[in-house]
Amino acid sequence: MQHLDLLIEPYQFGFFVHTGLVEDDPERPESVSPELWEILRAAAAASAAWVLFDRDEPVTSGLPVF
């Protein structure tokens, strides 16, 4: 998947998004929604390098749902 600011890797049931942007830039780029930015910040704060968005996994409480 192509995105100007994010590293996104698709896989069969969803996709991975790298959290490096949050670590590199504390301000949210306009190209990233506030909801996705919140998820990436929470993952980075938990020392996760990647976030997996999987259509079959249960929802994580306290985070936005798409």
Protein backbone atom coordinates (compact mmCIF):
# COMPACT_ATOMS: atom_id res chain seq x y z
CA MET A 1 0.00 0.00 0.00
CA GLN A 2 1.23 3.48 -0.80
CA HIS A 3 1.08 6.34 1.71
CA LEU A 4 3.20 9.48 1.84
CA ASP A 5 3.89 9.33 5.58
CA LEU A 6 3.28 5.75 6.73
CA LEU A 7 4.97 2.42 6.13
CA ILE A 8 2.12 -0.04 5.45
CA GLU A 9 2.56 -3.74 4.68
CA PRO A 10 -0.50 -5.70 3.53
CA TYR A 11 -1.11 -9.34 4.38
CA GLN A 12 -3.91 -11.78 3.67
CA PHE A 13 -6.28 -10.72 6.47
CA GLY A 14 -5.40 -7.07 7.00
CA PHE A 15 -2.24 -5.00 7.18
CA PHE A 16 0.63 -3.85 9.39
CA VAL A 17 1.43 -0.18 10.01
CA HIS A 18 4.85 0.83 11.34
CA THR A 19 4.91 3.14 14.37
CA GLY A 20 8.15 4.91 13.41
CA LEU A 21 6.37 8.05 12.25
CA VAL A 22 5.12 8.70 15.79
CA GLU A 23 8.65 8.36 17.15
CA ASP A 24 10.12 10.57 14.40
CA ASP A 25 7.49 13.30 14.41
CA PRO A 26 5.52 14.20 17.56
CA GLU A 27 3.02 16.23 15.50
CA ARG A 28 0.33 14.37 13.55
CA PRO A 29 0.65 14.86 9.78
CA GLU A 30 -2.56 15.98 8.06
CA SER A 31 -2.44 12.81 5.96
CA VAL A 32 -3.01 10.66 9.09
CA SER A 33 -6.41 10.66 10.81
CA PRO A 34 -6.57 11.56 14.51
CA GLU A 35 -7.96 8.08 15.24
CA LEU A 36 -5.10 6.26 13.51
CA TRP A 37 -2.58 8.60 15.13
CA GLU A 38 -4.04 7.69 18.56
CA ILE A 39 -3.57 3.98 17.80
CA LEU A 40 -0.01 4.47 16.56
CA ARG A 41 0.89 6.56 19.63
CA ALA A 42 -0.51 3.91 21.98
CA ALA A 43 1.46 1.20 20.19
CA ALA A 44 4.69 3.21 20.24
CA ALA A 45 4.20 3.94 23.96
CA ALA A 46 3.98 0.16 24.49
CA SER A 47 7.28 -0.26 22.57
CA ALA A 48 5.56 -1.86 19.57
CA ALA A 49 7.21 -1.25 16.20
CA TRP A 50 4.20 -2.45 14.19
CA VAL A 51 0.41 -2.39 14.59
CA LEU A 52 -1.55 -5.26 13.06
CA PHE A 53 -5.01 -4.43 11.74
CA ASP A 54 -6.68 -7.83 11.34
CA ARG A 55 -10.27 -8.28 10.23
CA ASP A 56 -10.71 -11.45 12.31
CA GLU A 57 -9.25 -10.34 15.64
CA PRO A 58 -11.39 -8.95 18.46
CA VAL A 59 -11.55 -5.20 19.03
CA THR A 60 -9.02 -3.75 21.51
CA SER A 61 -10.88 -1.77 24.16
CA GLY A 62 -9.95 1.87 24.57
CA LEU A 63 -8.84 2.33 20.94
CA PRO A 64 -10.79 3.67 17.95
CA VAL A 65 -12.60 1.18 15.74
CA PHE A 66 -12.85 1.51 11.96
